[in-house]
Amino acid sequence: MKDLFDNLYNIKKVANFKKVDFGSKDKITNERVIEANTSFEEVLARTRNDTKERLTESDQESVKRYFVDLKNEAKDTLKEVVEYKTKLLSDIKKSNASHVFYIDKDPALSKYALEVFQEEKTFLTLDDYFILLELKKQLEVDEFLNYKDEI
């Protein structure tokens, strides 16, 4: 299955895809985190200079606030990415363009598709492609978990 992903990726690299406009959304920034980490940076610098110094309650609160701000920023960024993905999928499904990838002329891709989908396919649809992406994610997670167990 890895070969199928590699072949699709290599073909995709040379394909031309339409640029998607997400509207006038501002670029993702981390200004809030930069403002919040000033005191965190001071605490970090102080502890690097004197490793035996104990953190005060206010220092601990600064560090905790910094990581809470980072977590909130990550949640906001993830939410924004999900919105972009939803808009992109919606635009693709509404478009009149055919989103089909023909694999019948490449015997290797046809063979891989047969192994993955358990049926002969002459082309992959957009839904097939999304299934492949989910399978790839699952394979990466499984490989990581196997690697983690070996350590």
N, C-alpha and C. Protein backbone atom coordinates (compact mmCIF):
# COMPACT_ATOMS: atom_id res chain seq x y z
N MET A 1 0.83 -1.19 0.00
CA MET A 1 0.00 0.00 0.00
C MET A 1 0.87 1.25 0.00
N LYS A 2 2.04 1.17 0.62
CA LYS A 2 2.94 2.31 0.63
C LYS A 2 3.31 2.70 -0.79
N ASP A 3 3.48 1.69 -1.67
CA ASP A 3 3.82 1.98 -3.06
C ASP A 3 2.72 2.77 -3.75
N LEU A 4 1.47 2.46 -3.42
CA LEU A 4 0.35 3.19 -4.02
C LEU A 4 0.43 4.66 -3.62
N PHE A 5 0.68 4.92 -2.34
CA PHE A 5 0.78 6.31 -1.89
C PHE A 5 1.96 7.01 -2.54
N ASP A 6 3.09 6.32 -2.61
CA ASP A 6 4.27 6.93 -3.22
C ASP A 6 4.03 7.27 -4.68
N ASN A 7 3.41 6.35 -5.42
CA ASN A 7 3.14 6.61 -6.84
C ASN A 7 2.14 7.75 -7.01
N LEU A 8 1.09 7.76 -6.20
CA LEU A 8 0.12 8.84 -6.29
C LEU A 8 0.78 10.17 -5.95
N TYR A 9 1.62 10.18 -4.93
CA TYR A 9 2.29 11.40 -4.52
C TYR A 9 3.21 11.91 -5.63
N ASN A 10 3.97 11.01 -6.25
CA ASN A 10 4.88 11.42 -7.31
C ASN A 10 4.12 12.00 -8.50
N ILE A 11 2.97 11.43 -8.82
CA ILE A 11 2.17 11.96 -9.91
C ILE A 11 1.57 13.30 -9.51
N LYS A 12 1.13 13.40 -8.27
CA LYS A 12 0.51 14.63 -7.78
C LYS A 12 1.49 15.79 -7.79
N LYS A 13 2.79 15.50 -7.59
CA LYS A 13 3.78 16.56 -7.54
C LYS A 13 3.86 17.31 -8.87
N VAL A 14 3.61 16.63 -9.98
CA VAL A 14 3.72 17.29 -11.27
C VAL A 14 2.39 17.79 -11.78
N ALA A 15 1.31 17.45 -11.11
CA ALA A 15 -0.01 17.90 -11.54
C ALA A 15 -0.21 19.36 -11.15
N ASN A 16 -1.04 20.05 -11.91
CA ASN A 16 -1.37 21.43 -11.58
C ASN A 16 -2.75 21.47 -10.94
N PHE A 17 -2.82 22.02 -9.75
CA PHE A 17 -4.08 22.12 -9.05
C PHE A 17 -4.48 23.58 -8.93
N LYS A 18 -5.78 23.81 -9.00
CA LYS A 18 -6.32 25.17 -8.90
C LYS A 18 -6.06 25.71 -7.49
N LYS A 19 -5.67 26.98 -7.43
CA LYS A 19 -5.45 27.61 -6.13
C LYS A 19 -6.80 27.88 -5.48
N VAL A 20 -6.91 27.54 -4.23
CA VAL A 20 -8.17 27.71 -3.50
C VAL A 20 -8.13 29.02 -2.73
N ASP A 21 -9.19 29.82 -2.87
CA ASP A 21 -9.27 31.09 -2.15
C ASP A 21 -10.12 30.89 -0.92
N PHE A 22 -9.57 31.14 0.24
CA PHE A 22 -10.30 30.98 1.48
C PHE A 22 -10.91 32.29 1.96
N GLY A 23 -10.98 33.26 1.12
CA GLY A 23 -11.59 34.53 1.51
C GLY A 23 -10.57 35.44 2.17
N SER A 24 -11.07 36.40 2.92
CA SER A 24 -10.19 37.42 3.49
C SER A 24 -9.78 37.11 4.93
N LYS A 25 -9.69 35.85 5.26
CA LYS A 25 -9.27 35.48 6.61
C LYS A 25 -7.84 35.92 6.84
N ASP A 26 -7.54 36.42 8.03
CA ASP A 26 -6.17 36.78 8.37
C ASP A 26 -5.33 35.52 8.48
N LYS A 27 -4.05 35.69 8.26
CA LYS A 27 -3.16 34.55 8.41
C LYS A 27 -3.09 34.17 9.88
N ILE A 28 -2.80 32.91 10.10
CA ILE A 28 -2.71 32.41 11.47
C ILE A 28 -1.49 33.05 12.13
N THR A 29 -1.68 33.65 13.29
CA THR A 29 -0.56 34.27 14.00
C THR A 29 -0.53 33.75 15.42
N ASN A 30 0.56 34.00 16.06
CA ASN A 30 0.67 33.60 17.46
C ASN A 30 0.97 34.81 18.33
N GLU A 31 0.38 35.95 17.99
CA GLU A 31 0.63 37.18 18.74
C GLU A 31 0.25 37.02 20.21
N ARG A 32 -0.86 36.38 20.46
CA ARG A 32 -1.32 36.21 21.84
C ARG A 32 -0.29 35.42 22.64
N VAL A 33 0.27 34.41 22.03
CA VAL A 33 1.26 33.59 22.72
C VAL A 33 2.53 34.40 22.97
N ILE A 34 2.93 35.21 21.98
CA ILE A 34 4.14 36.01 22.14
C ILE A 34 3.97 36.99 23.30
N GLU A 35 2.80 37.60 23.41
CA GLU A 35 2.55 38.52 24.52
C GLU A 35 2.59 37.79 25.85
N ALA A 36 2.01 36.60 25.90
CA ALA A 36 1.89 35.87 27.16
C ALA A 36 3.22 35.27 27.61
N ASN A 37 4.15 35.03 26.67
CA ASN A 37 5.34 34.32 27.08
C ASN A 37 6.47 35.20 27.56
N THR A 38 6.26 36.51 27.68
CA THR A 38 7.32 37.39 28.17
C THR A 38 7.75 36.96 29.57
N SER A 39 6.82 36.81 30.46
CA SER A 39 7.19 36.40 31.82
C SER A 39 7.68 34.95 31.83
N PHE A 40 7.16 34.13 30.96
CA PHE A 40 7.64 32.76 30.86
C PHE A 40 9.10 32.75 30.44
N GLU A 41 9.44 33.58 29.47
CA GLU A 41 10.82 33.66 29.01
C GLU A 41 11.74 34.12 30.13
N GLU A 42 11.26 35.06 30.95
CA GLU A 42 12.07 35.52 32.08
C GLU A 42 12.29 34.37 33.07
N VAL A 43 11.25 33.64 33.37
CA VAL A 43 11.37 32.50 34.28
C VAL A 43 12.33 31.47 33.71
N LEU A 44 12.21 31.20 32.43
CA LEU A 44 13.08 30.22 31.77
C LEU A 44 14.54 30.67 31.83
N ALA A 45 14.79 31.95 31.53
CA ALA A 45 16.17 32.46 31.56
C ALA A 45 16.74 32.38 32.98
N ARG A 46 15.93 32.73 33.96
CA ARG A 46 16.39 32.69 35.34
C ARG A 46 16.75 31.27 35.77
N THR A 47 15.90 30.31 35.43
CA THR A 47 16.16 28.93 35.83
C THR A 47 17.33 28.33 35.06
N ARG A 48 17.58 28.81 33.87
CA ARG A 48 18.76 28.32 33.14
C ARG A 48 20.05 28.84 33.78
N ASN A 49 19.99 30.07 34.29
CA ASN A 49 21.18 30.64 34.95
C ASN A 49 21.45 29.99 36.29
N ASP A 50 20.39 29.70 37.02
CA ASP A 50 20.55 29.11 38.34
C ASP A 50 19.62 27.90 38.44
N THR A 51 20.16 26.73 38.15
CA THR A 51 19.32 25.52 38.10
C THR A 51 18.82 25.08 39.46
N LYS A 52 19.43 25.58 40.53
CA LYS A 52 19.00 25.18 41.87
C LYS A 52 17.90 26.09 42.42
N GLU A 53 17.65 27.20 41.72
CA GLU A 53 16.62 28.12 42.19
C GLU A 53 15.24 27.47 42.08
N ARG A 54 14.46 27.62 43.12
CA ARG A 54 13.11 27.05 43.13
C ARG A 54 12.15 28.08 42.55
N LEU A 55 11.16 27.59 41.84
CA LEU A 55 10.16 28.48 41.25
C LEU A 55 9.20 28.98 42.33
N THR A 56 8.89 30.25 42.25
CA THR A 56 7.89 30.81 43.16
C THR A 56 6.51 30.44 42.64
N GLU A 57 5.53 30.74 43.45
CA GLU A 57 4.15 30.46 43.03
C GLU A 57 3.79 31.28 41.80
N SER A 58 4.24 32.52 41.76
CA SER A 58 3.96 33.38 40.61
C SER A 58 4.66 32.84 39.35
N ASP A 59 5.90 32.32 39.52
CA ASP A 59 6.60 31.71 38.39
C ASP A 59 5.84 30.50 37.86
N GLN A 60 5.39 29.67 38.78
CA GLN A 60 4.63 28.49 38.39
C GLN A 60 3.36 28.89 37.66
N GLU A 61 2.73 29.95 38.12
CA GLU A 61 1.50 30.44 37.47
C GLU A 61 1.80 30.95 36.06
N SER A 62 2.95 31.63 35.90
CA SER A 62 3.36 32.13 34.57
C SER A 62 3.57 30.98 33.60
N VAL A 63 4.26 29.95 34.07
CA VAL A 63 4.52 28.79 33.22
C VAL A 63 3.20 28.10 32.86
N LYS A 64 2.35 27.94 33.85
CA LYS A 64 1.06 27.29 33.61
C LYS A 64 0.23 28.11 32.62
N ARG A 65 0.19 29.43 32.80
CA ARG A 65 -0.58 30.31 31.91
C ARG A 65 -0.03 30.24 30.49
N TYR A 66 1.30 30.18 30.38
CA TYR A 66 1.93 30.09 29.06
C TYR A 66 1.48 28.84 28.32
N PHE A 67 1.49 27.70 29.02
CA PHE A 67 1.10 26.45 28.36
C PHE A 67 -0.40 26.38 28.10
N VAL A 68 -1.19 26.99 28.96
CA VAL A 68 -2.64 27.06 28.70
C VAL A 68 -2.89 27.91 27.46
N ASP A 69 -2.16 29.03 27.33
CA ASP A 69 -2.29 29.88 26.14
C ASP A 69 -1.87 29.14 24.88
N LEU A 70 -0.78 28.37 24.98
CA LEU A 70 -0.34 27.57 23.83
C LEU A 70 -1.40 26.54 23.44
N LYS A 71 -1.98 25.91 24.43
CA LYS A 71 -3.01 24.90 24.17
C LYS A 71 -4.23 25.54 23.51
N ASN A 72 -4.64 26.71 24.00
CA ASN A 72 -5.79 27.41 23.41
C ASN A 72 -5.48 27.85 21.98
N GLU A 73 -4.26 28.32 21.75
CA GLU A 73 -3.86 28.73 20.41
C GLU A 73 -3.87 27.53 19.46
N ALA A 74 -3.43 26.39 19.96
CA ALA A 74 -3.44 25.17 19.14
C ALA A 74 -4.87 24.77 18.80
N LYS A 75 -5.77 24.87 19.78
CA LYS A 75 -7.18 24.54 19.53
C LYS A 75 -7.77 25.48 18.49
N ASP A 76 -7.46 26.79 18.61
CA ASP A 76 -7.97 27.76 17.63
C ASP A 76 -7.43 27.47 16.24
N THR A 77 -6.15 27.14 16.16
CA THR A 77 -5.54 26.83 14.87
C THR A 77 -6.15 25.58 14.26
N LEU A 78 -6.35 24.56 15.09
CA LEU A 78 -6.97 23.32 14.60
C LEU A 78 -8.38 23.59 14.10
N LYS A 79 -9.12 24.41 14.84
CA LYS A 79 -10.48 24.76 14.43
C LYS A 79 -10.46 25.48 13.07
N GLU A 80 -9.50 26.38 12.89
CA GLU A 80 -9.39 27.10 11.63
C GLU A 80 -9.03 26.16 10.48
N VAL A 81 -8.13 25.21 10.74
CA VAL A 81 -7.75 24.24 9.71
C VAL A 81 -8.96 23.38 9.33
N VAL A 82 -9.75 22.97 10.31
CA VAL A 82 -10.95 22.18 10.03
C VAL A 82 -11.93 22.99 9.18
N GLU A 83 -12.08 24.28 9.49
CA GLU A 83 -12.97 25.14 8.69
C GLU A 83 -12.49 25.23 7.24
N TYR A 84 -11.15 25.41 7.06
CA TYR A 84 -10.59 25.48 5.71
C TYR A 84 -10.81 24.16 4.97
N LYS A 85 -10.59 23.06 5.66
CA LYS A 85 -10.76 21.74 5.04
C LYS A 85 -12.22 21.54 4.63
N THR A 86 -13.14 21.91 5.49
CA THR A 86 -14.56 21.77 5.19
C THR A 86 -14.93 22.62 3.98
N LYS A 87 -14.43 23.85 3.94
CA LYS A 87 -14.72 24.74 2.80
C LYS A 87 -14.12 24.17 1.52
N LEU A 88 -12.91 23.66 1.61
CA LEU A 88 -12.26 23.08 0.44
C LEU A 88 -13.05 21.89 -0.10
N LEU A 89 -13.44 20.99 0.79
CA LEU A 89 -14.22 19.82 0.36
C LEU A 89 -15.55 20.24 -0.23
N SER A 90 -16.18 21.23 0.37
CA SER A 90 -17.45 21.74 -0.14
C SER A 90 -17.27 22.31 -1.54
N ASP A 91 -16.22 23.11 -1.73
CA ASP A 91 -15.95 23.69 -3.05
C ASP A 91 -15.67 22.61 -4.09
N ILE A 92 -14.93 21.59 -3.68
CA ILE A 92 -14.61 20.51 -4.62
C ILE A 92 -15.88 19.77 -5.03
N LYS A 93 -16.72 19.47 -4.05
CA LYS A 93 -17.94 18.71 -4.36
C LYS A 93 -18.92 19.53 -5.19
N LYS A 94 -18.92 20.86 -5.03
CA LYS A 94 -19.83 21.73 -5.79
C LYS A 94 -19.33 21.98 -7.20
N SER A 95 -18.02 21.84 -7.42
CA SER A 95 -17.45 22.17 -8.73
C SER A 95 -17.95 21.19 -9.79
N ASN A 96 -17.92 21.65 -11.01
CA ASN A 96 -18.36 20.82 -12.13
C ASN A 96 -17.23 19.94 -12.66
N ALA A 97 -16.03 20.20 -12.18
CA ALA A 97 -14.88 19.44 -12.67
C ALA A 97 -14.96 18.00 -12.20
N SER A 98 -14.48 17.12 -13.03
CA SER A 98 -14.44 15.71 -12.70
C SER A 98 -13.19 15.44 -11.87
N HIS A 99 -13.39 14.88 -10.70
CA HIS A 99 -12.26 14.58 -9.84
C HIS A 99 -12.04 13.07 -9.85
N VAL A 100 -11.46 12.62 -10.96
CA VAL A 100 -11.22 11.20 -11.15
C VAL A 100 -9.76 11.04 -11.57
N PHE A 101 -9.11 10.05 -10.98
CA PHE A 101 -7.72 9.76 -11.30
C PHE A 101 -7.69 8.39 -11.97
N TYR A 102 -7.38 8.38 -13.26
CA TYR A 102 -7.39 7.13 -14.02
C TYR A 102 -6.12 6.34 -13.75
N ILE A 103 -6.30 5.08 -13.37
CA ILE A 103 -5.16 4.22 -13.06
C ILE A 103 -5.09 3.01 -13.99
N ASP A 104 -5.99 2.92 -14.97
CA ASP A 104 -6.04 1.74 -15.82
C ASP A 104 -4.81 1.59 -16.72
N LYS A 105 -4.11 2.66 -16.99
CA LYS A 105 -2.94 2.57 -17.87
C LYS A 105 -1.66 2.25 -17.10
N ASP A 106 -1.74 2.21 -15.79
CA ASP A 106 -0.58 1.89 -14.97
C ASP A 106 -0.86 0.58 -14.22
N PRO A 107 -0.27 -0.52 -14.68
CA PRO A 107 -0.56 -1.82 -14.07
C PRO A 107 -0.20 -1.88 -12.57
N ALA A 108 0.86 -1.18 -12.18
CA ALA A 108 1.26 -1.21 -10.76
C ALA A 108 0.19 -0.55 -9.90
N LEU A 109 -0.29 0.62 -10.32
CA LEU A 109 -1.35 1.29 -9.55
C LEU A 109 -2.62 0.46 -9.52
N SER A 110 -2.96 -0.17 -10.65
CA SER A 110 -4.15 -1.02 -10.69
C SER A 110 -4.02 -2.18 -9.71
N LYS A 111 -2.81 -2.76 -9.65
CA LYS A 111 -2.56 -3.87 -8.73
C LYS A 111 -2.70 -3.40 -7.28
N TYR A 112 -2.12 -2.25 -6.96
CA TYR A 112 -2.21 -1.72 -5.60
C TYR A 112 -3.65 -1.40 -5.22
N ALA A 113 -4.39 -0.83 -6.17
CA ALA A 113 -5.79 -0.50 -5.90
C ALA A 113 -6.60 -1.78 -5.64
N LEU A 114 -6.30 -2.85 -6.37
CA LEU A 114 -6.97 -4.13 -6.15
C LEU A 114 -6.68 -4.65 -4.74
N GLU A 115 -5.42 -4.50 -4.30
CA GLU A 115 -5.06 -4.95 -2.96
C GLU A 115 -5.78 -4.13 -1.88
N VAL A 116 -5.88 -2.85 -2.10
CA VAL A 116 -6.48 -1.97 -1.09
C VAL A 116 -7.99 -2.07 -1.07
N PHE A 117 -8.62 -1.98 -2.25
CA PHE A 117 -10.08 -1.90 -2.31
C PHE A 117 -10.75 -3.25 -2.53
N GLN A 118 -9.96 -4.30 -2.78
CA GLN A 118 -10.48 -5.65 -3.00
C GLN A 118 -11.42 -5.73 -4.21
N GLU A 119 -11.21 -4.84 -5.16
CA GLU A 119 -11.97 -4.89 -6.42
C GLU A 119 -11.14 -4.19 -7.48
N GLU A 120 -11.37 -4.59 -8.73
CA GLU A 120 -10.63 -3.96 -9.81
C GLU A 120 -11.19 -2.58 -10.07
N LYS A 121 -10.29 -1.61 -10.20
CA LYS A 121 -10.70 -0.23 -10.46
C LYS A 121 -9.92 0.29 -11.66
N THR A 122 -10.61 1.04 -12.49
CA THR A 122 -9.92 1.68 -13.61
C THR A 122 -9.62 3.14 -13.27
N PHE A 123 -10.28 3.64 -12.23
CA PHE A 123 -10.02 5.01 -11.79
C PHE A 123 -10.32 5.13 -10.30
N LEU A 124 -9.75 6.15 -9.70
CA LEU A 124 -10.02 6.45 -8.30
C LEU A 124 -10.84 7.73 -8.23
N THR A 125 -11.87 7.70 -7.45
CA THR A 125 -12.69 8.89 -7.27
C THR A 125 -12.14 9.72 -6.11
N LEU A 126 -12.71 10.89 -5.92
CA LEU A 126 -12.30 11.73 -4.81
C LEU A 126 -12.54 11.02 -3.48
N ASP A 127 -13.66 10.33 -3.37
CA ASP A 127 -13.95 9.58 -2.14
C ASP A 127 -12.91 8.47 -1.90
N ASP A 128 -12.50 7.80 -2.99
CA ASP A 128 -11.45 6.78 -2.86
C ASP A 128 -10.16 7.41 -2.34
N TYR A 129 -9.86 8.59 -2.86
CA TYR A 129 -8.65 9.28 -2.44
C TYR A 129 -8.71 9.61 -0.94
N PHE A 130 -9.85 10.06 -0.46
CA PHE A 130 -9.99 10.38 0.96
C PHE A 130 -9.90 9.11 1.81
N ILE A 131 -10.40 8.00 1.30
CA ILE A 131 -10.26 6.73 2.00
C ILE A 131 -8.77 6.37 2.11
N LEU A 132 -8.04 6.56 1.02
CA LEU A 132 -6.61 6.28 1.03
C LEU A 132 -5.87 7.17 2.03
N LEU A 133 -6.25 8.44 2.10
CA LEU A 133 -5.62 9.34 3.06
C LEU A 133 -5.87 8.87 4.50
N GLU A 134 -7.09 8.44 4.78
CA GLU A 134 -7.41 7.94 6.13
C GLU A 134 -6.63 6.66 6.43
N LEU A 135 -6.51 5.78 5.43
CA LEU A 135 -5.73 4.56 5.62
C LEU A 135 -4.26 4.88 5.88
N LYS A 136 -3.74 5.87 5.16
CA LYS A 136 -2.36 6.28 5.35
C LYS A 136 -2.16 6.80 6.77
N LYS A 137 -3.09 7.63 7.25
CA LYS A 137 -2.99 8.13 8.62
C LYS A 137 -2.98 6.98 9.62
N GLN A 138 -3.86 6.01 9.39
CA GLN A 138 -3.94 4.86 10.30
C GLN A 138 -2.65 4.05 10.27
N LEU A 139 -2.08 3.87 9.08
CA LEU A 139 -0.81 3.15 8.98
C LEU A 139 0.30 3.87 9.74
N GLU A 140 0.33 5.19 9.64
CA GLU A 140 1.35 5.96 10.35
C GLU A 140 1.18 5.82 11.86
N VAL A 141 -0.06 5.86 12.33
CA VAL A 141 -0.32 5.69 13.76
C VAL A 141 0.10 4.30 14.20
N ASP A 142 -0.27 3.28 13.43
CA ASP A 142 0.10 1.91 13.77
C ASP A 142 1.62 1.72 13.81
N GLU A 143 2.31 2.29 12.81
CA GLU A 143 3.77 2.19 12.79
C GLU A 143 4.38 2.86 14.01
N PHE A 144 3.85 4.02 14.38
CA PHE A 144 4.35 4.72 15.56
C PHE A 144 4.12 3.89 16.81
N LEU A 145 2.93 3.33 16.95
CA LEU A 145 2.64 2.53 18.13
C LEU A 145 3.52 1.28 18.19
N ASN A 146 3.77 0.65 17.05
CA ASN A 146 4.66 -0.51 17.01
C ASN A 146 6.09 -0.10 17.39
N TYR A 147 6.52 1.02 16.87
CA TYR A 147 7.86 1.52 17.19
C TYR A 147 7.97 1.84 18.67
N LYS A 148 6.93 2.47 19.20
CA LYS A 148 6.91 2.84 20.62
C LYS A 148 6.96 1.59 21.50
N ASP A 149 6.25 0.54 21.10
CA ASP A 149 6.25 -0.70 21.87
C ASP A 149 7.61 -1.38 21.86
N GLU A 150 8.35 -1.22 20.76
CA GLU A 150 9.67 -1.84 20.65
C GLU A 150 10.71 -1.19 21.54
N ILE A 151 10.48 0.07 21.85
CA ILE A 151 11.46 0.82 22.65
C ILE A 151 11.40 0.47 24.09
